[in-house]
Amino acid sequence: MSRSVALALLGAVALVLSACGEKPQTAGASKTDASPYSGTGSNFASPGWKQGDKVSWEQHLRARAQNTQNEYNRTK
């Protein structure tokens, strides 16, 4: 009986200690301190927006919010 209790205790300790080895889940993403309007260098950008132009970025965000994301304007 003491052998089965010792095996059960050893299994419980192994189970508890297995949770201590979990690696952080960061999904491989690296954080950069670049401003959002600086662009990514991708060709898939909104037409008329110039990468690095803050005023153009803000105008496009404002237009997108009014034209496509405003439910009051979409239901008319």
PDB file of N, CA and C in Angstrom:
ATOM      1  N   MET A   1       0.813  -1.181   0.000  1.00  0.00           N
ATOM      2  CA  MET A   1       0.000   0.000   0.000  1.00  0.00           C
ATOM      3  C   MET A   1       0.863   1.253   0.000  1.00  0.00           C
ATOM      4  N   SER A   2       1.964   1.237   0.690  1.00  0.00           N
ATOM      5  CA  SER A   2       2.821   2.415   0.748  1.00  0.00           C
ATOM      6  C   SER A   2       3.460   2.704  -0.607  1.00  0.00           C
ATOM      7  N   ARG A   3       3.667   1.674  -1.406  1.00  0.00           N
ATOM      8  CA  ARG A   3       4.248   1.878  -2.732  1.00  0.00           C
ATOM      9  C   ARG A   3       3.251   2.612  -3.635  1.00  0.00           C
ATOM     10  N   SER A   4       1.986   2.273  -3.583  1.00  0.00           N
ATOM     11  CA  SER A   4       0.984   2.937  -4.416  1.00  0.00           C
ATOM     12  C   SER A   4       0.761   4.379  -3.960  1.00  0.00           C
ATOM     13  N   VAL A   5       0.852   4.620  -2.668  1.00  0.00           N
ATOM     14  CA  VAL A   5       0.723   5.981  -2.148  1.00  0.00           C
ATOM     15  C   VAL A   5       1.913   6.823  -2.591  1.00  0.00           C
ATOM     16  N   ALA A   6       3.099   6.228  -2.568  1.00  0.00           N
ATOM     17  CA  ALA A   6       4.296   6.945  -2.993  1.00  0.00           C
ATOM     18  C   ALA A   6       4.232   7.272  -4.485  1.00  0.00           C
ATOM     19  N   LEU A   7       3.740   6.349  -5.303  1.00  0.00           N
ATOM     20  CA  LEU A   7       3.606   6.600  -6.739  1.00  0.00           C
ATOM     21  C   LEU A   7       2.559   7.693  -6.998  1.00  0.00           C
ATOM     22  N   ALA A   8       1.465   7.651  -6.250  1.00  0.00           N
ATOM     23  CA  ALA A   8       0.440   8.675  -6.410  1.00  0.00           C
ATOM     24  C   ALA A   8       0.973  10.045  -6.005  1.00  0.00           C
ATOM     25  N   LEU A   9       1.733  10.082  -4.924  1.00  0.00           N
ATOM     26  CA  LEU A   9       2.321  11.337  -4.466  1.00  0.00           C
ATOM     27  C   LEU A   9       3.342  11.844  -5.481  1.00  0.00           C
ATOM     28  N   LEU A  10       4.145  10.954  -6.022  1.00  0.00           N
ATOM     29  CA  LEU A  10       5.137  11.333  -7.029  1.00  0.00           C
ATOM     30  C   LEU A  10       4.447  11.861  -8.294  1.00  0.00           C
ATOM     31  N   GLY A  11       3.346  11.238  -8.685  1.00  0.00           N
ATOM     32  CA  GLY A  11       2.584  11.712  -9.846  1.00  0.00           C
ATOM     33  C   GLY A  11       1.989  13.082  -9.609  1.00  0.00           C
ATOM     34  N   ALA A  12       1.481  13.304  -8.397  1.00  0.00           N
ATOM     35  CA  ALA A  12       0.899  14.607  -8.068  1.00  0.00           C
ATOM     36  C   ALA A  12       1.963  15.696  -8.076  1.00  0.00           C
ATOM     37  N   VAL A  13       3.143  15.391  -7.546  1.00  0.00           N
ATOM     38  CA  VAL A  13       4.242  16.364  -7.540  1.00  0.00           C
ATOM     39  C   VAL A  13       4.679  16.669  -8.969  1.00  0.00           C
ATOM     40  N   ALA A  14       4.762  15.660  -9.815  1.00  0.00           N
ATOM     41  CA  ALA A  14       5.144  15.867 -11.216  1.00  0.00           C
ATOM     42  C   ALA A  14       4.105  16.729 -11.932  1.00  0.00           C
ATOM     43  N   LEU A  15       2.844  16.502 -11.639  1.00  0.00           N
ATOM     44  CA  LEU A  15       1.779  17.293 -12.249  1.00  0.00           C
ATOM     45  C   LEU A  15       1.847  18.757 -11.807  1.00  0.00           C
ATOM     46  N   VAL A  16       2.098  18.988 -10.549  1.00  0.00           N
ATOM     47  CA  VAL A  16       2.184  20.351 -10.024  1.00  0.00           C
ATOM     48  C   VAL A  16       3.397  21.071 -10.601  1.00  0.00           C
ATOM     49  N   LEU A  17       4.522  20.384 -10.669  1.00  0.00           N
ATOM     50  CA  LEU A  17       5.739  21.022 -11.169  1.00  0.00           C
ATOM     51  C   LEU A  17       5.724  21.224 -12.678  1.00  0.00           C
ATOM     52  N   SER A  18       4.905  20.497 -13.400  1.00  0.00           N
ATOM     53  CA  SER A  18       4.860  20.666 -14.851  1.00  0.00           C
ATOM     54  C   SER A  18       4.282  22.025 -15.231  1.00  0.00           C
ATOM     55  N   ALA A  19       3.478  22.611 -14.381  1.00  0.00           N
ATOM     56  CA  ALA A  19       2.905  23.934 -14.664  1.00  0.00           C
ATOM     57  C   ALA A  19       3.939  25.036 -14.506  1.00  0.00           C
ATOM     58  N   CYS A  20       5.024  24.788 -13.801  1.00  0.00           N
ATOM     59  CA  CYS A  20       6.041  25.813 -13.588  1.00  0.00           C
ATOM     60  C   CYS A  20       6.900  26.053 -14.825  1.00  0.00           C
ATOM     61  N   GLY A  21       6.884  25.149 -15.768  1.00  0.00           N
ATOM     62  CA  GLY A  21       7.751  25.270 -16.930  1.00  0.00           C
ATOM     63  C   GLY A  21       7.090  25.859 -18.146  1.00  0.00           C
ATOM     64  N   GLU A  22       5.954  26.486 -18.006  1.00  0.00           N
ATOM     65  CA  GLU A  22       5.255  27.033 -19.169  1.00  0.00           C
ATOM     66  C   GLU A  22       5.991  28.263 -19.692  1.00  0.00           C
ATOM     67  N   LYS A  23       6.143  28.319 -21.002  1.00  0.00           N
ATOM     68  CA  LYS A  23       6.824  29.445 -21.641  1.00  0.00           C
ATOM     69  C   LYS A  23       5.820  30.567 -21.890  1.00  0.00           C
ATOM     70  N   PRO A  24       6.267  31.820 -21.914  1.00  0.00           N
ATOM     71  CA  PRO A  24       5.348  32.926 -22.214  1.00  0.00           C
ATOM     72  C   PRO A  24       4.842  32.823 -23.656  1.00  0.00           C
ATOM     73  N   GLN A  25       3.598  33.141 -23.871  1.00  0.00           N
ATOM     74  CA  GLN A  25       2.976  33.031 -25.186  1.00  0.00           C
ATOM     75  C   GLN A  25       2.898  34.407 -25.828  1.00  0.00           C
ATOM     76  N   THR A  26       3.932  34.778 -26.555  1.00  0.00           N
ATOM     77  CA  THR A  26       3.982  36.098 -27.165  1.00  0.00           C
ATOM     78  C   THR A  26       3.662  36.079 -28.643  1.00  0.00           C
ATOM     79  N   ALA A  27       3.482  34.900 -29.242  1.00  0.00           N
ATOM     80  CA  ALA A  27       3.137  34.736 -30.657  1.00  0.00           C
ATOM     81  C   ALA A  27       4.211  35.303 -31.575  1.00  0.00           C
ATOM     82  N   GLY A  28       5.398  35.488 -31.092  1.00  0.00           N
ATOM     83  CA  GLY A  28       6.506  35.912 -31.931  1.00  0.00           C
ATOM     84  C   GLY A  28       6.433  37.347 -32.408  1.00  0.00           C
ATOM     85  N   ALA A  29       5.553  38.128 -31.880  1.00  0.00           N
ATOM     86  CA  ALA A  29       5.417  39.517 -32.317  1.00  0.00           C
ATOM     87  C   ALA A  29       6.409  40.395 -31.564  1.00  0.00           C
ATOM     88  N   SER A  30       7.052  41.257 -32.315  1.00  0.00           N
ATOM     89  CA  SER A  30       7.978  42.188 -31.682  1.00  0.00           C
ATOM     90  C   SER A  30       7.340  43.572 -31.659  1.00  0.00           C
ATOM     91  N   LYS A  31       7.489  44.257 -30.572  1.00  0.00           N
ATOM     92  CA  LYS A  31       6.899  45.584 -30.429  1.00  0.00           C
ATOM     93  C   LYS A  31       7.883  46.633 -30.922  1.00  0.00           C
ATOM     94  N   THR A  32       7.390  47.507 -31.753  1.00  0.00           N
ATOM     95  CA  THR A  32       8.212  48.609 -32.238  1.00  0.00           C
ATOM     96  C   THR A  32       7.611  49.916 -31.742  1.00  0.00           C
ATOM     97  N   ASP A  33       8.411  50.915 -31.666  1.00  0.00           N
ATOM     98  CA  ASP A  33       7.955  52.217 -31.201  1.00  0.00           C
ATOM     99  C   ASP A  33       7.681  53.166 -32.355  1.00  0.00           C
ATOM    100  N   ALA A  34       7.478  52.642 -33.539  1.00  0.00           N
ATOM    101  CA  ALA A  34       7.184  53.484 -34.690  1.00  0.00           C
ATOM    102  C   ALA A  34       5.752  53.984 -34.613  1.00  0.00           C
ATOM    103  N   SER A  35       5.527  55.160 -35.120  1.00  0.00           N
ATOM    104  CA  SER A  35       4.181  55.726 -35.118  1.00  0.00           C
ATOM    105  C   SER A  35       3.318  54.979 -36.135  1.00  0.00           C
ATOM    106  N   PRO A  36       2.008  54.903 -35.915  1.00  0.00           N
ATOM    107  CA  PRO A  36       1.167  54.130 -36.820  1.00  0.00           C
ATOM    108  C   PRO A  36       1.082  54.727 -38.219  1.00  0.00           C
ATOM    109  N   TYR A  37       1.259  56.010 -38.346  1.00  0.00           N
ATOM    110  CA  TYR A  37       1.163  56.631 -39.667  1.00  0.00           C
ATOM    111  C   TYR A  37       2.449  56.512 -40.474  1.00  0.00           C
ATOM    112  N   SER A  38       3.496  55.942 -39.883  1.00  0.00           N
ATOM    113  CA  SER A  38       4.740  55.809 -40.630  1.00  0.00           C
ATOM    114  C   SER A  38       4.664  54.712 -41.676  1.00  0.00           C
ATOM    115  N   GLY A  39       3.699  53.807 -41.566  1.00  0.00           N
ATOM    116  CA  GLY A  39       3.496  52.784 -42.575  1.00  0.00           C
ATOM    117  C   GLY A  39       4.320  51.542 -42.320  1.00  0.00           C
ATOM    118  N   THR A  40       4.044  50.512 -43.127  1.00  0.00           N
ATOM    119  CA  THR A  40       4.735  49.245 -42.981  1.00  0.00           C
ATOM    120  C   THR A  40       5.580  48.900 -44.194  1.00  0.00           C
ATOM    121  N   GLY A  41       5.485  49.679 -45.228  1.00  0.00           N
ATOM    122  CA  GLY A  41       6.210  49.372 -46.448  1.00  0.00           C
ATOM    123  C   GLY A  41       5.438  48.426 -47.356  1.00  0.00           C
ATOM    124  N   SER A  42       4.198  48.122 -47.014  1.00  0.00           N
ATOM    125  CA  SER A  42       3.384  47.210 -47.806  1.00  0.00           C
ATOM    126  C   SER A  42       2.719  47.956 -48.957  1.00  0.00           C
ATOM    127  N   ASN A  43       2.476  47.236 -50.045  1.00  0.00           N
ATOM    128  CA  ASN A  43       1.792  47.841 -51.187  1.00  0.00           C
ATOM    129  C   ASN A  43       0.285  47.902 -50.982  1.00  0.00           C
ATOM    130  N   PHE A  44      -0.222  47.233 -49.963  1.00  0.00           N
ATOM    131  CA  PHE A  44      -1.653  47.181 -49.714  1.00  0.00           C
ATOM    132  C   PHE A  44      -2.056  48.290 -48.745  1.00  0.00           C
ATOM    133  N   ALA A  45      -2.093  49.490 -49.242  1.00  0.00           N
ATOM    134  CA  ALA A  45      -2.458  50.649 -48.432  1.00  0.00           C
ATOM    135  C   ALA A  45      -3.632  51.350 -49.093  1.00  0.00           C
ATOM    136  N   SER A  46      -4.300  52.172 -48.352  1.00  0.00           N
ATOM    137  CA  SER A  46      -5.432  52.924 -48.880  1.00  0.00           C
ATOM    138  C   SER A  46      -4.956  53.884 -49.964  1.00  0.00           C
ATOM    139  N   PRO A  47      -5.665  53.940 -51.085  1.00  0.00           N
ATOM    140  CA  PRO A  47      -5.253  54.862 -52.143  1.00  0.00           C
ATOM    141  C   PRO A  47      -5.342  56.310 -51.672  1.00  0.00           C
ATOM    142  N   GLY A  48      -4.341  57.082 -51.957  1.00  0.00           N
ATOM    143  CA  GLY A  48      -4.311  58.486 -51.576  1.00  0.00           C
ATOM    144  C   GLY A  48      -3.579  58.756 -50.277  1.00  0.00           C
ATOM    145  N   TRP A  49      -3.267  57.700 -49.540  1.00  0.00           N
ATOM    146  CA  TRP A  49      -2.540  57.886 -48.282  1.00  0.00           C
ATOM    147  C   TRP A  49      -1.051  57.771 -48.537  1.00  0.00           C
ATOM    148  N   LYS A  50      -0.297  58.746 -48.053  1.00  0.00           N
ATOM    149  CA  LYS A  50       1.158  58.730 -48.198  1.00  0.00           C
ATOM    150  C   LYS A  50       1.775  58.267 -46.880  1.00  0.00           C
ATOM    151  N   GLN A  51       2.626  57.270 -46.943  1.00  0.00           N
ATOM    152  CA  GLN A  51       3.243  56.757 -45.732  1.00  0.00           C
ATOM    153  C   GLN A  51       4.133  57.826 -45.112  1.00  0.00           C
ATOM    154  N   GLY A  52       3.962  58.019 -43.819  1.00  0.00           N
ATOM    155  CA  GLY A  52       4.740  59.005 -43.087  1.00  0.00           C
ATOM    156  C   GLY A  52       4.045  60.353 -42.947  1.00  0.00           C
ATOM    157  N   ASP A  53       2.907  60.545 -43.612  1.00  0.00           N
ATOM    158  CA  ASP A  53       2.181  61.811 -43.549  1.00  0.00           C
ATOM    159  C   ASP A  53       1.084  61.708 -42.491  1.00  0.00           C
ATOM    160  N   LYS A  54       1.276  62.378 -41.364  1.00  0.00           N
ATOM    161  CA  LYS A  54       0.337  62.272 -40.244  1.00  0.00           C
ATOM    162  C   LYS A  54      -1.019  62.875 -40.580  1.00  0.00           C
ATOM    163  N   VAL A  55      -1.047  63.999 -41.285  1.00  0.00           N
ATOM    164  CA  VAL A  55      -2.306  64.660 -41.628  1.00  0.00           C
ATOM    165  C   VAL A  55      -3.130  63.778 -42.555  1.00  0.00           C
ATOM    166  N   SER A  56      -2.486  63.180 -43.543  1.00  0.00           N
ATOM    167  CA  SER A  56      -3.176  62.277 -44.458  1.00  0.00           C
ATOM    168  C   SER A  56      -3.715  61.064 -43.716  1.00  0.00           C
ATOM    169  N   TRP A  57      -2.962  60.538 -42.767  1.00  0.00           N
ATOM    170  CA  TRP A  57      -3.386  59.391 -41.951  1.00  0.00           C
ATOM    171  C   TRP A  57      -4.649  59.745 -41.164  1.00  0.00           C
ATOM    172  N   GLU A  58      -4.640  60.908 -40.523  1.00  0.00           N
ATOM    173  CA  GLU A  58      -5.797  61.319 -39.725  1.00  0.00           C
ATOM    174  C   GLU A  58      -7.023  61.556 -40.599  1.00  0.00           C
ATOM    175  N   GLN A  59      -6.841  62.120 -41.798  1.00  0.00           N
ATOM    176  CA  GLN A  59      -7.969  62.343 -42.699  1.00  0.00           C
ATOM    177  C   GLN A  59      -8.579  61.021 -43.156  1.00  0.00           C
ATOM    178  N   HIS A  60      -7.747  60.049 -43.459  1.00  0.00           N
ATOM    179  CA  HIS A  60      -8.257  58.750 -43.881  1.00  0.00           C
ATOM    180  C   HIS A  60      -8.974  58.033 -42.743  1.00  0.00           C
ATOM    181  N   LEU A  61      -8.467  58.149 -41.524  1.00  0.00           N
ATOM    182  CA  LEU A  61      -9.158  57.538 -40.381  1.00  0.00           C
ATOM    183  C   LEU A  61     -10.513  58.187 -40.145  1.00  0.00           C
ATOM    184  N   ARG A  62     -10.555  59.496 -40.246  1.00  0.00           N
ATOM    185  CA  ARG A  62     -11.809  60.225 -40.047  1.00  0.00           C
ATOM    186  C   ARG A  62     -12.830  59.848 -41.123  1.00  0.00           C
ATOM    187  N   ALA A  63     -12.372  59.762 -42.379  1.00  0.00           N
ATOM    188  CA  ALA A  63     -13.273  59.399 -43.474  1.00  0.00           C
ATOM    189  C   ALA A  63     -13.765  57.962 -43.315  1.00  0.00           C
ATOM    190  N   ARG A  64     -12.904  57.059 -42.908  1.00  0.00           N
ATOM    191  CA  ARG A  64     -13.309  55.666 -42.727  1.00  0.00           C
ATOM    192  C   ARG A  64     -14.328  55.546 -41.598  1.00  0.00           C
ATOM    193  N   ALA A  65     -14.121  56.288 -40.537  1.00  0.00           N
ATOM    194  CA  ALA A  65     -15.049  56.239 -39.416  1.00  0.00           C
ATOM    195  C   ALA A  65     -16.423  56.779 -39.814  1.00  0.00           C
ATOM    196  N   GLN A  66     -16.467  57.802 -40.637  1.00  0.00           N
ATOM    197  CA  GLN A  66     -17.742  58.388 -41.041  1.00  0.00           C
ATOM    198  C   GLN A  66     -18.435  57.587 -42.134  1.00  0.00           C
ATOM    199  N   ASN A  67     -17.681  57.071 -43.086  1.00  0.00           N
ATOM    200  CA  ASN A  67     -18.291  56.441 -44.263  1.00  0.00           C
ATOM    201  C   ASN A  67     -18.606  54.960 -44.078  1.00  0.00           C
ATOM    202  N   THR A  68     -17.767  54.238 -43.414  1.00  0.00           N
ATOM    203  CA  THR A  68     -17.961  52.787 -43.370  1.00  0.00           C
ATOM    204  C   THR A  68     -18.252  52.245 -41.980  1.00  0.00           C
ATOM    205  N   GLN A  69     -17.890  52.955 -40.937  1.00  0.00           N
ATOM    206  CA  GLN A  69     -18.070  52.415 -39.602  1.00  0.00           C
ATOM    207  C   GLN A  69     -19.146  53.133 -38.805  1.00  0.00           C
ATOM    208  N   ASN A  70     -19.809  54.073 -39.403  1.00  0.00           N
ATOM    209  CA  ASN A  70     -20.878  54.798 -38.732  1.00  0.00           C
ATOM    210  C   ASN A  70     -22.205  54.169 -39.143  1.00  0.00           C
ATOM    211  N   GLU A  71     -22.861  53.481 -38.223  1.00  0.00           N
ATOM    212  CA  GLU A  71     -24.097  52.771 -38.534  1.00  0.00           C
ATOM    213  C   GLU A  71     -25.236  53.720 -38.903  1.00  0.00           C
ATOM    214  N   TYR A  72     -25.213  54.932 -38.389  1.00  0.00           N
ATOM    215  CA  TYR A  72     -26.275  55.874 -38.733  1.00  0.00           C
ATOM    216  C   TYR A  72     -26.201  56.261 -40.206  1.00  0.00           C
ATOM    217  N   ASN A  73     -25.022  56.393 -40.746  1.00  0.00           N
ATOM    218  CA  ASN A  73     -24.873  56.726 -42.158  1.00  0.00           C
ATOM    219  C   ASN A  73     -25.126  55.523 -43.042  1.00  0.00           C
ATOM    220  N   ARG A  74     -24.856  54.330 -42.577  1.00  0.00           N
ATOM    221  CA  ARG A  74     -25.011  53.132 -43.404  1.00  0.00           C
ATOM    222  C   ARG A  74     -26.460  52.723 -43.562  1.00  0.00           C
ATOM    223  N   THR A  75     -27.319  53.032 -42.624  1.00  0.00           N
ATOM    224  CA  THR A  75     -28.707  52.567 -42.687  1.00  0.00           C
ATOM    225  C   THR A  75     -29.633  53.490 -43.457  1.00  0.00           C
ATOM    226  N   LYS A  76     -29.163  54.619 -43.868  1.00  0.00           N
ATOM    227  CA  LYS A  76     -30.030  55.561 -44.612  1.00  0.00           C
ATOM    228  C   LYS A  76     -30.240  55.117 -46.035  1.00  0.00           C
TER     229      LYS A  76
END
